[in-house]
N, C-alpha and C. Protein backbone atom coordinates (compact mmCIF):
# COMPACT_ATOMS: atom_id res chain seq x y z
N MET A 1 -28.02 12.67 17.90
CA MET A 1 -28.21 12.08 16.61
C MET A 1 -27.02 11.16 16.31
N THR A 2 -27.30 9.96 15.83
CA THR A 2 -26.25 9.01 15.51
C THR A 2 -25.70 9.30 14.12
N LYS A 3 -24.41 9.34 14.02
CA LYS A 3 -23.78 9.57 12.73
C LYS A 3 -23.72 8.26 11.97
N ARG A 4 -24.18 8.26 10.75
CA ARG A 4 -24.15 7.05 9.93
C ARG A 4 -22.85 7.01 9.14
N HIS A 5 -22.29 5.85 9.10
CA HIS A 5 -21.05 5.65 8.36
C HIS A 5 -21.30 4.70 7.21
N ARG A 6 -20.54 4.89 6.18
CA ARG A 6 -20.59 3.95 5.05
C ARG A 6 -20.06 2.61 5.54
N PRO A 7 -20.67 1.50 5.12
CA PRO A 7 -20.15 0.20 5.53
C PRO A 7 -18.68 0.05 5.14
N MET A 8 -17.97 -0.71 5.94
CA MET A 8 -16.57 -0.95 5.63
C MET A 8 -16.47 -1.66 4.29
N PRO A 9 -15.57 -1.24 3.43
CA PRO A 9 -15.41 -1.93 2.15
C PRO A 9 -14.82 -3.31 2.35
N ALA A 10 -15.15 -4.20 1.45
CA ALA A 10 -14.54 -5.52 1.49
C ALA A 10 -13.05 -5.35 1.24
N PRO A 11 -12.22 -6.28 1.71
CA PRO A 11 -10.78 -6.12 1.55
C PRO A 11 -10.34 -5.93 0.11
N HIS A 12 -11.11 -6.44 -0.83
CA HIS A 12 -10.73 -6.37 -2.24
C HIS A 12 -11.34 -5.18 -2.96
N GLU A 13 -12.25 -4.45 -2.30
CA GLU A 13 -12.96 -3.37 -2.98
C GLU A 13 -11.98 -2.31 -3.46
N GLY A 14 -12.15 -1.90 -4.70
CA GLY A 14 -11.31 -0.88 -5.28
C GLY A 14 -10.03 -1.43 -5.89
N LYS A 15 -9.77 -2.69 -5.70
CA LYS A 15 -8.59 -3.31 -6.28
C LYS A 15 -9.02 -4.15 -7.47
N SER A 16 -8.25 -4.14 -8.50
CA SER A 16 -8.55 -4.96 -9.66
C SER A 16 -8.01 -6.36 -9.42
N ILE A 17 -8.90 -7.29 -9.12
CA ILE A 17 -8.48 -8.66 -8.87
C ILE A 17 -9.18 -9.62 -9.81
N ALA A 18 -9.72 -9.09 -10.91
CA ALA A 18 -10.36 -9.98 -11.88
C ALA A 18 -9.31 -10.96 -12.35
N GLY A 19 -9.70 -12.17 -12.44
CA GLY A 19 -8.77 -13.22 -12.85
C GLY A 19 -8.95 -14.42 -11.95
N PRO A 20 -8.06 -15.36 -12.06
CA PRO A 20 -8.19 -16.59 -11.27
C PRO A 20 -8.30 -16.29 -9.78
N ILE A 21 -9.23 -16.95 -9.14
CA ILE A 21 -9.41 -16.81 -7.69
C ILE A 21 -9.40 -18.19 -7.07
N THR A 22 -9.19 -18.23 -5.77
CA THR A 22 -9.17 -19.51 -5.08
C THR A 22 -10.59 -20.04 -4.91
N GLU A 23 -10.70 -21.32 -4.67
CA GLU A 23 -12.01 -21.91 -4.40
C GLU A 23 -12.61 -21.31 -3.14
N GLN A 24 -11.77 -21.02 -2.16
CA GLN A 24 -12.24 -20.41 -0.92
C GLN A 24 -12.86 -19.04 -1.21
N GLU A 25 -12.20 -18.23 -2.04
CA GLU A 25 -12.74 -16.92 -2.40
C GLU A 25 -14.03 -17.06 -3.19
N LYS A 26 -14.09 -18.04 -4.08
CA LYS A 26 -15.32 -18.26 -4.86
C LYS A 26 -16.47 -18.63 -3.92
N ARG A 27 -16.22 -19.48 -2.93
CA ARG A 27 -17.27 -19.85 -1.98
C ARG A 27 -17.72 -18.63 -1.17
N ARG A 28 -16.76 -17.78 -0.78
CA ARG A 28 -17.10 -16.57 -0.03
C ARG A 28 -17.97 -15.66 -0.88
N ARG A 29 -17.63 -15.52 -2.14
CA ARG A 29 -18.42 -14.67 -3.03
C ARG A 29 -19.82 -15.25 -3.26
N MET A 30 -19.90 -16.56 -3.39
CA MET A 30 -21.21 -17.19 -3.58
C MET A 30 -22.09 -16.98 -2.34
N ARG A 31 -21.51 -17.06 -1.14
CA ARG A 31 -22.28 -16.79 0.08
C ARG A 31 -22.78 -15.35 0.09
N ALA A 32 -21.94 -14.44 -0.35
CA ALA A 32 -22.34 -13.02 -0.41
C ALA A 32 -23.50 -12.83 -1.38
N ILE A 33 -23.44 -13.49 -2.51
CA ILE A 33 -24.51 -13.40 -3.50
C ILE A 33 -25.80 -13.97 -2.95
N HIS A 34 -25.72 -15.14 -2.33
CA HIS A 34 -26.93 -15.77 -1.78
C HIS A 34 -27.53 -14.91 -0.67
N GLY A 35 -26.69 -14.30 0.13
CA GLY A 35 -27.19 -13.42 1.18
C GLY A 35 -27.91 -12.21 0.61
N ALA A 36 -27.31 -11.59 -0.41
CA ALA A 36 -27.93 -10.43 -1.05
C ALA A 36 -29.24 -10.83 -1.73
N ASP A 37 -29.25 -11.98 -2.38
CA ASP A 37 -30.47 -12.47 -3.03
C ASP A 37 -31.57 -12.72 -2.00
N ALA A 38 -31.20 -13.26 -0.84
CA ALA A 38 -32.19 -13.53 0.20
C ALA A 38 -32.79 -12.23 0.73
N ILE A 39 -31.96 -11.23 0.94
CA ILE A 39 -32.46 -9.93 1.39
C ILE A 39 -33.42 -9.34 0.37
N ASN A 40 -33.04 -9.40 -0.90
CA ASN A 40 -33.93 -8.88 -1.95
C ASN A 40 -35.25 -9.65 -1.99
N ALA A 41 -35.20 -10.95 -1.80
CA ALA A 41 -36.42 -11.75 -1.81
C ALA A 41 -37.33 -11.37 -0.64
N ILE A 42 -36.74 -11.17 0.53
CA ILE A 42 -37.52 -10.77 1.70
C ILE A 42 -38.20 -9.43 1.45
N GLU A 43 -37.48 -8.53 0.80
CA GLU A 43 -38.02 -7.20 0.53
C GLU A 43 -38.90 -7.15 -0.71
N GLY A 44 -39.02 -8.28 -1.40
CA GLY A 44 -39.87 -8.34 -2.58
C GLY A 44 -39.26 -7.70 -3.82
N ALA A 45 -37.96 -7.54 -3.83
CA ALA A 45 -37.27 -6.93 -4.98
C ALA A 45 -36.75 -8.03 -5.89
N PRO A 46 -37.27 -8.11 -7.09
CA PRO A 46 -36.81 -9.16 -8.01
C PRO A 46 -35.37 -8.90 -8.46
N ILE A 47 -34.67 -9.96 -8.76
CA ILE A 47 -33.29 -9.87 -9.24
C ILE A 47 -33.31 -10.16 -10.73
N SER A 48 -32.81 -9.22 -11.50
CA SER A 48 -32.83 -9.38 -12.96
C SER A 48 -31.86 -10.48 -13.40
N ASP A 49 -32.15 -11.04 -14.55
CA ASP A 49 -31.25 -12.04 -15.12
C ASP A 49 -29.87 -11.43 -15.37
N TYR A 50 -29.86 -10.16 -15.77
CA TYR A 50 -28.60 -9.47 -16.01
C TYR A 50 -27.77 -9.40 -14.72
N ALA A 51 -28.42 -9.06 -13.61
CA ALA A 51 -27.72 -8.99 -12.33
C ALA A 51 -27.20 -10.37 -11.92
N LYS A 52 -27.98 -11.40 -12.18
CA LYS A 52 -27.55 -12.76 -11.86
C LYS A 52 -26.33 -13.15 -12.69
N GLN A 53 -26.33 -12.76 -13.96
CA GLN A 53 -25.19 -13.07 -14.83
C GLN A 53 -23.93 -12.34 -14.35
N LEU A 54 -24.08 -11.06 -14.00
CA LEU A 54 -22.94 -10.31 -13.49
C LEU A 54 -22.42 -10.90 -12.19
N SER A 55 -23.33 -11.29 -11.32
CA SER A 55 -22.94 -11.88 -10.04
C SER A 55 -22.14 -13.16 -10.26
N ALA A 56 -22.58 -13.98 -11.20
CA ALA A 56 -21.87 -15.22 -11.50
C ALA A 56 -20.48 -14.93 -12.06
N ARG A 57 -20.37 -13.92 -12.91
CA ARG A 57 -19.06 -13.55 -13.47
C ARG A 57 -18.13 -13.04 -12.37
N TRP A 58 -18.69 -12.26 -11.42
CA TRP A 58 -17.89 -11.77 -10.29
C TRP A 58 -17.44 -12.94 -9.43
N ALA A 59 -18.35 -13.86 -9.14
CA ALA A 59 -18.02 -15.02 -8.30
C ALA A 59 -16.91 -15.86 -8.93
N ASP A 60 -16.88 -15.91 -10.26
CA ASP A 60 -15.86 -16.69 -10.97
C ASP A 60 -14.55 -15.93 -11.17
N GLY A 61 -14.53 -14.65 -10.78
CA GLY A 61 -13.31 -13.86 -10.91
C GLY A 61 -13.12 -13.25 -12.29
N GLU A 62 -14.19 -13.27 -13.11
CA GLU A 62 -14.09 -12.71 -14.46
C GLU A 62 -14.11 -11.18 -14.45
N ILE A 63 -14.82 -10.60 -13.48
CA ILE A 63 -14.91 -9.15 -13.35
C ILE A 63 -14.71 -8.79 -11.89
N THR A 64 -14.34 -7.54 -11.66
CA THR A 64 -14.17 -7.07 -10.28
C THR A 64 -15.52 -6.63 -9.73
N HIS A 65 -15.55 -6.43 -8.41
CA HIS A 65 -16.77 -5.93 -7.77
C HIS A 65 -17.13 -4.57 -8.36
N GLY A 66 -16.14 -3.72 -8.53
CA GLY A 66 -16.38 -2.39 -9.09
C GLY A 66 -16.95 -2.44 -10.49
N GLU A 67 -16.45 -3.36 -11.30
CA GLU A 67 -16.97 -3.51 -12.66
C GLU A 67 -18.42 -3.98 -12.64
N MET A 68 -18.73 -4.87 -11.71
CA MET A 68 -20.10 -5.35 -11.59
C MET A 68 -21.04 -4.21 -11.21
N VAL A 69 -20.66 -3.44 -10.21
CA VAL A 69 -21.48 -2.32 -9.75
C VAL A 69 -21.64 -1.30 -10.87
N GLU A 70 -20.55 -0.98 -11.54
CA GLU A 70 -20.59 -0.01 -12.64
C GLU A 70 -21.54 -0.47 -13.75
N ALA A 71 -21.48 -1.74 -14.11
CA ALA A 71 -22.35 -2.28 -15.15
C ALA A 71 -23.82 -2.20 -14.74
N LEU A 72 -24.10 -2.51 -13.47
CA LEU A 72 -25.49 -2.44 -13.00
C LEU A 72 -26.01 -1.00 -12.99
N ILE A 73 -25.20 -0.08 -12.53
CA ILE A 73 -25.62 1.32 -12.52
C ILE A 73 -25.85 1.82 -13.93
N LYS A 74 -24.94 1.50 -14.83
CA LYS A 74 -25.06 1.93 -16.22
C LYS A 74 -26.34 1.37 -16.85
N ARG A 75 -26.63 0.12 -16.56
CA ARG A 75 -27.79 -0.55 -17.14
C ARG A 75 -29.10 0.03 -16.62
N HIS A 76 -29.11 0.44 -15.36
CA HIS A 76 -30.37 0.85 -14.72
C HIS A 76 -30.53 2.36 -14.57
N THR A 77 -29.65 3.14 -15.21
CA THR A 77 -29.83 4.60 -15.16
C THR A 77 -29.97 5.16 -16.55
C-alpha cells in the first residue's frame, strides 16, 4: 500500500506575508489561481464570486493564504 503524504506547503504557507508583494510574486499567485480555476472547471465545480474576490485579495497581497482558506472554510461550513 502506498502511503499518501500531504502536498508540500508553499514556501510562504503559515507565514504572515500580507502586504506589499513583488510583481513576480503576484504573477506566480495569478498562475496558481488560474490553474486552480481550470481544475475546478474541468471537474464541473463552479467558483463562487466570494472565492474569486478572496483569490484576488490574496494575489494582491492583501490577505495571506491562511486567511483566504480560513475565510472560505468559515463561509462554507
